[in-house]
Every structure is written in C-alpha cells, then in structure tokens.
C-alpha atoms as a PDB file:
ATOM      1  CA  MET A   1      21.964   2.450 -29.027  1.00  0.00           C
ATOM      2  CA  THR A   2      19.466   4.795 -27.426  1.00  0.00           C
ATOM      3  CA  ALA A   3      20.358   8.421 -26.762  1.00  0.00           C
ATOM      4  CA  PRO A   4      20.218   9.442 -23.107  1.00  0.00           C
ATOM      5  CA  ASP A   5      17.128  11.316 -22.002  1.00  0.00           C
ATOM      6  CA  PRO A   6      18.126  15.003 -21.994  1.00  0.00           C
ATOM      7  CA  THR A   7      15.383  15.896 -19.514  1.00  0.00           C
ATOM      8  CA  PRO A   8      16.851  16.226 -16.039  1.00  0.00           C
ATOM      9  CA  ILE A   9      15.066  14.433 -13.220  1.00  0.00           C
ATOM     10  CA  PRO A  10      13.313  17.190 -11.238  1.00  0.00           C
ATOM     11  CA  TYR A  11      14.008  15.673  -7.834  1.00  0.00           C
ATOM     12  CA  GLN A  12      16.899  14.572  -5.682  1.00  0.00           C
ATOM     13  CA  ILE A  13      17.186  12.059  -2.866  1.00  0.00           C
ATOM     14  CA  ARG A  14      20.165  11.681  -0.601  1.00  0.00           C
ATOM     15  CA  GLN A  15      20.927  10.021   2.676  1.00  0.00           C
ATOM     16  CA  ILE A  16      22.694  12.072   5.334  1.00  0.00           C
ATOM     17  CA  ASP A  17      24.308  10.893   8.542  1.00  0.00           C
ATOM     18  CA  ASP A  18      24.073  13.914  10.873  1.00  0.00           C
ATOM     19  CA  PRO A  19      21.284  13.725  11.726  1.00  0.00           C
ATOM     20  CA  PRO A  20      20.224  10.409  10.195  1.00  0.00           C
ATOM     21  CA  ALA A  21      17.813  11.482   7.472  1.00  0.00           C
ATOM     22  CA  LEU A  22      16.601  10.899   3.974  1.00  0.00           C
ATOM     23  CA  LEU A  23      16.557  14.287   2.276  1.00  0.00           C
ATOM     24  CA  GLY A  24      14.285  14.532  -0.731  1.00  0.00           C
ATOM     25  CA  ALA A  25      13.985  17.661  -2.845  1.00  0.00           C
ATOM     26  CA  TRP A  26      11.314  18.392  -5.397  1.00  0.00           C
ATOM     27  CA  LEU A  27      13.037  20.781  -7.803  1.00  0.00           C
ATOM     28  CA  ARG A  28      11.753  23.328 -10.300  1.00  0.00           C
ATOM     29  CA  GLY A  29       9.576  21.576 -12.834  1.00  0.00           C
ATOM     30  CA  PHE A  30       8.531  18.737 -10.508  1.00  0.00           C
ATOM     31  CA  ARG A  31       4.919  17.676 -11.121  1.00  0.00           C
ATOM     32  CA  TYR A  32       3.625  14.950  -8.830  1.00  0.00           C
ATOM     33  CA  VAL A  33       1.344  13.447 -11.481  1.00  0.00           C
ATOM     34  CA  GLU A  34       4.258  13.151 -13.904  1.00  0.00           C
ATOM     35  CA  HIS A  35       7.277  12.557 -11.629  1.00  0.00           C
ATOM     36  CA  GLY A  36       5.674  11.230  -8.452  1.00  0.00           C
ATOM     37  CA  PRO A  37       5.708   7.524  -9.368  1.00  0.00           C
ATOM     38  CA  ASP A  38       9.469   7.607 -10.063  1.00  0.00           C
ATOM     39  CA  TYR A  39      10.135   9.585  -6.889  1.00  0.00           C
ATOM     40  CA  VAL A  40       8.056   7.162  -4.813  1.00  0.00           C
ATOM     41  CA  ARG A  41       9.907   4.193  -6.322  1.00  0.00           C
ATOM     42  CA  ASP A  42      13.308   5.760  -5.646  1.00  0.00           C
ATOM     43  CA  ILE A  43      12.522   6.878  -2.088  1.00  0.00           C
ATOM     44  CA  GLN A  44      11.078   3.451  -1.271  1.00  0.00           C
ATOM     45  CA  GLN A  45      14.327   1.858  -2.416  1.00  0.00           C
ATOM     46  CA  ARG A  46      16.161   4.159  -0.003  1.00  0.00           C
ATOM     47  CA  TRP A  47      13.772   3.341   2.870  1.00  0.00           C
ATOM     48  CA  SER A  48      14.197  -0.378   2.172  1.00  0.00           C
ATOM     49  CA  SER A  49      17.976  -0.134   2.428  1.00  0.00           C
ATOM     50  CA  LEU A  50      17.954   1.437   5.904  1.00  0.00           C
ATOM     51  CA  THR A  51      18.774  -0.584   9.008  1.00  0.00           C
ATOM     52  CA  THR A  52      18.109   2.234  11.516  1.00  0.00           C
ATOM     53  CA  PRO A  53      15.335   4.846  11.753  1.00  0.00           C
ATOM     54  CA  HIS A  54      15.873   8.100   9.854  1.00  0.00           C
ATOM     55  CA  PHE A  55      14.016  11.380   9.610  1.00  0.00           C
ATOM     56  CA  TYR A  56      12.324  12.246   6.339  1.00  0.00           C
ATOM     57  CA  ILE A  57      13.030  15.780   5.163  1.00  0.00           C
ATOM     58  CA  LEU A  58      11.241  16.890   2.006  1.00  0.00           C
ATOM     59  CA  ASP A  59      12.483  20.170   0.545  1.00  0.00           C
ATOM     60  CA  LEU A  60       9.606  21.784  -1.336  1.00  0.00           C
ATOM     61  CA  SER A  61      11.176  25.239  -1.541  1.00  0.00           C
ATOM     62  CA  GLU A  62      11.749  25.155  -5.313  1.00  0.00           C
ATOM     63  CA  LEU A  63       8.219  24.197  -6.299  1.00  0.00           C
ATOM     64  CA  GLU A  64       6.830  26.806  -8.656  1.00  0.00           C
ATOM     65  CA  VAL A  65       3.132  26.048  -8.397  1.00  0.00           C
ATOM     66  CA  VAL A  66       1.738  24.707  -5.155  1.00  0.00           C
ATOM     67  CA  THR A  67      -1.946  24.068  -4.564  1.00  0.00           C
ATOM     68  CA  PHE A  68      -3.744  22.642  -1.557  1.00  0.00           C
ATOM     69  CA  GLU A  69      -5.191  19.905  -3.781  1.00  0.00           C
ATOM     70  CA  GLY A  70      -1.728  19.027  -5.100  1.00  0.00           C
ATOM     71  CA  ILE A  71      -0.323  18.724  -1.579  1.00  0.00           C
ATOM     72  CA  ILE A  72      -3.213  16.530  -0.441  1.00  0.00           C
ATOM     73  CA  SER A  73      -2.881  14.338  -3.543  1.00  0.00           C
ATOM     74  CA  SER A  74       0.865  13.844  -3.101  1.00  0.00           C
ATOM     75  CA  THR A  75       0.451  13.255   0.634  1.00  0.00           C
ATOM     76  CA  ARG A  76      -2.082  10.519  -0.042  1.00  0.00           C
ATOM     77  CA  GLY A  77       0.679   8.864  -2.055  1.00  0.00           C
ATOM     78  CA  GLY A  78       3.057   9.390   0.867  1.00  0.00           C
ATOM     79  CA  VAL A  79       0.794   7.671   3.390  1.00  0.00           C
ATOM     80  CA  GLY A  80      -0.655   4.910   1.214  1.00  0.00           C
ATOM     81  CA  GLY A  81       0.388   1.412   2.207  1.00  0.00           C
ATOM     82  CA  PRO A  82       2.608   0.262   5.044  1.00  0.00           C
ATOM     83  CA  ALA A  83       5.887   1.254   3.344  1.00  0.00           C
ATOM     84  CA  ALA A  84       4.863   4.791   2.341  1.00  0.00           C
ATOM     85  CA  SER A  85       7.375   7.487   3.284  1.00  0.00           C
ATOM     86  CA  LEU A  86       5.288   9.419   5.808  1.00  0.00           C
ATOM     87  CA  ARG A  87       4.407   6.284   7.766  1.00  0.00           C
ATOM     88  CA  HIS A  88       7.324   4.024   6.920  1.00  0.00           C
ATOM     89  CA  PRO A  89       8.530   1.988   9.948  1.00  0.00           C
ATOM     90  CA  MET A  90      11.995   3.552   9.570  1.00  0.00           C
ATOM     91  CA  ASN A  91      10.606   7.125   9.547  1.00  0.00           C
ATOM     92  CA  ARG A  92      11.252   8.738  12.927  1.00  0.00           C
ATOM     93  CA  GLY A  93       9.700  12.073  11.887  1.00  0.00           C
ATOM     94  CA  THR A  94       8.731  14.121   8.845  1.00  0.00           C
ATOM     95  CA  VAL A  95       9.846  17.681   8.121  1.00  0.00           C
ATOM     96  CA  PHE A  96       8.800  19.741   5.090  1.00  0.00           C
ATOM     97  CA  VAL A  97      10.949  22.681   3.981  1.00  0.00           C
ATOM     98  CA  SER A  98       9.014  25.588   2.495  1.00  0.00           C
ATOM     99  CA  ARG A  99       8.141  29.229   3.002  1.00  0.00           C
ATOM    100  CA  ALA A 100       4.815  28.854   1.169  1.00  0.00           C
ATOM    101  CA  GLU A 101       1.743  29.374   3.331  1.00  0.00           C
ATOM    102  CA  VAL A 102      -0.173  26.750   1.338  1.00  0.00           C
ATOM    103  CA  ILE A 103       2.415  24.147   2.426  1.00  0.00           C
ATOM    104  CA  ARG A 104       2.061  25.190   6.078  1.00  0.00           C
ATOM    105  CA  SER A 105      -1.738  25.097   5.897  1.00  0.00           C
ATOM    106  CA  SER A 106      -1.723  21.773   4.102  1.00  0.00           C
ATOM    107  CA  ALA A 107       0.672  20.234   6.624  1.00  0.00           C
ATOM    108  CA  ARG A 108      -1.529  21.495   9.465  1.00  0.00           C
ATOM    109  CA  SER A 109      -4.594  19.922   7.832  1.00  0.00           C
ATOM    110  CA  ILE A 110      -2.790  16.667   7.171  1.00  0.00           C
ATOM    111  CA  SER A 111      -1.519  16.478  10.757  1.00  0.00           C
ATOM    112  CA  GLN A 112      -5.041  17.019  12.122  1.00  0.00           C
ATOM    113  CA  ASP A 113      -6.763  14.568   9.786  1.00  0.00           C
ATOM    114  CA  ALA A 114      -7.335  11.098  11.259  1.00  0.00           C
ATOM    115  CA  LEU A 115      -7.159   9.594   7.750  1.00  0.00           C
ATOM    116  CA  PHE A 116      -3.493  10.537   7.336  1.00  0.00           C
ATOM    117  CA  ARG A 117      -2.364   9.555  10.857  1.00  0.00           C
ATOM    118  CA  THR A 118       0.893  11.466  10.502  1.00  0.00           C
ATOM    119  CA  HIS A 119       2.574  14.546  11.941  1.00  0.00           C
ATOM    120  CA  ILE A 120       4.500  17.022   9.810  1.00  0.00           C
ATOM    121  CA  VAL A 121       6.711  19.889  10.957  1.00  0.00           C
ATOM    122  CA  VAL A 122       7.314  22.714   8.480  1.00  0.00           C
ATOM    123  CA  VAL A 123      10.474  24.814   8.559  1.00  0.00           C
ATOM    124  CA  GLU A 124      11.852  27.467   6.216  1.00  0.00           C
ATOM    125  CA  THR A 125      15.307  26.059   5.391  1.00  0.00           C
ATOM    126  CA  VAL A 126      17.059  22.720   5.102  1.00  0.00           C
ATOM    127  CA  GLU A 127      19.454  23.813   7.865  1.00  0.00           C
ATOM    128  CA  ALA A 128      16.462  24.473  10.156  1.00  0.00           C
ATOM    129  CA  ALA A 129      15.164  20.982   9.325  1.00  0.00           C
ATOM    130  CA  LEU A 130      18.509  19.443  10.255  1.00  0.00           C
ATOM    131  CA  GLU A 131      18.619  21.414  13.514  1.00  0.00           C
ATOM    132  CA  TYR A 132      15.061  20.303  14.343  1.00  0.00           C
ATOM    133  CA  CYS A 133      16.028  16.657  13.778  1.00  0.00           C
ATOM    134  CA  ARG A 134      19.145  17.021  15.914  1.00  0.00           C
ATOM    135  CA  HIS A 135      17.044  18.525  18.675  1.00  0.00           C
ATOM    136  CA  GLN A 136      14.636  15.585  18.486  1.00  0.00           C
ATOM    137  CA  LEU A 137      17.623  13.292  18.997  1.00  0.00           C
ATOM    138  CA  GLY A 138      18.620  15.250  22.086  1.00  0.00           C
ATOM    139  CA  GLU A 139      21.490  16.981  20.332  1.00  0.00           C
ATOM    140  CA  PRO A 140      20.431  20.634  20.475  1.00  0.00           C
ATOM    141  CA  ARG A 141      22.674  22.954  18.501  1.00  0.00           C
ATOM    142  CA  GLY A 142      20.522  26.029  18.686  1.00  0.00           C
ATOM    143  CA  PRO A 143      16.848  26.872  19.204  1.00  0.00           C
ATOM    144  CA  SER A 144      14.574  23.854  19.456  1.00  0.00           C
ATOM    145  CA  GLU A 145      12.760  24.521  16.212  1.00  0.00           C
ATOM    146  CA  PRO A 146      14.550  27.321  14.336  1.00  0.00           C
ATOM    147  CA  GLY A 147      12.392  28.810  11.619  1.00  0.00           C
ATOM    148  CA  SER A 148       9.714  26.201  12.163  1.00  0.00           C
ATOM    149  CA  SER A 149       6.002  25.974  12.532  1.00  0.00           C
ATOM    150  CA  ARG A 150       4.889  22.992  14.509  1.00  0.00           C
ATOM    151  CA  VAL A 151       1.669  21.909  12.876  1.00  0.00           C
ATOM    152  CA  ALA A 152       0.303  19.583  15.526  1.00  0.00           C
END
C-alpha cells in the first residue's frame, strides 16, 4: 500500500451556479511548470462536463511570484487547442482576480494580441468577479464592474 502524497495540491477548481462559472484558484506555492499540466487536465474535465456556457474565473490573488513571462506562458497553455479554457466553446467570458499590476498589464497585452484571440477582465476580488458575471447576464446587483479593470 502506498502512503498518500502529503503535498497539498496548490490549486482548487469548483463549479458555482450563481452566476454559472468555473472558479479556479492558483494557491500559494502554485508553479505553472510544475502544477499546470494537472490543473489543465482537471479544468478540462470540468469544461467537458458542462451542458451550458459558464464564465471562467481564475483567482490569482495568492500567487507569490508573478512575472510577465510566467503569465504569457500559462496563457499560451490556456488558449492552445480548441478545448483550452480561455477559448473553450462553453466559456462565456474570462475574469482574472488579482491586485498585482503585472497581472493587469499581462491581461491587457493578451487581450490586445491577435495570437491569443481572447478578452480578459481583471478584478480585485472574487466577489467583484461574480458581480461582473451577473452584470454580463443582465442581473446587475451593484456597479457594472466593481473593482475591475476592463482590459479591452
């Protein structure tokens, strides 16, 4: 019998109903090179199980070290292939959660780059991301984009 791996998985993925969204969180210790393949596999399983479009919210607020190159590298993984999270047919919009300026700048660059062909909104809290998604569905429950930076 093999002992369980004591290393906690440094990410979480959950499906929420209001608004319909897949909420991913890269936690302290997450390194895309090391943990990215498992995250991509797990999020793709979630996308594959959906029967209706959902928003994709990625909480990056716990990342300890964020570089422009790291964001671009992980985003390439997110847009590669027809089932990738940022361009998945069931993705009705992507929202990153972070207060880091490098995330905002990277999202702006990604949204303006024809190679990525995706649009990312960046907000400061998960609650702001949920409110943004509700607003997009025509269910405003506050300001249209609380705490957000539209990066179009």
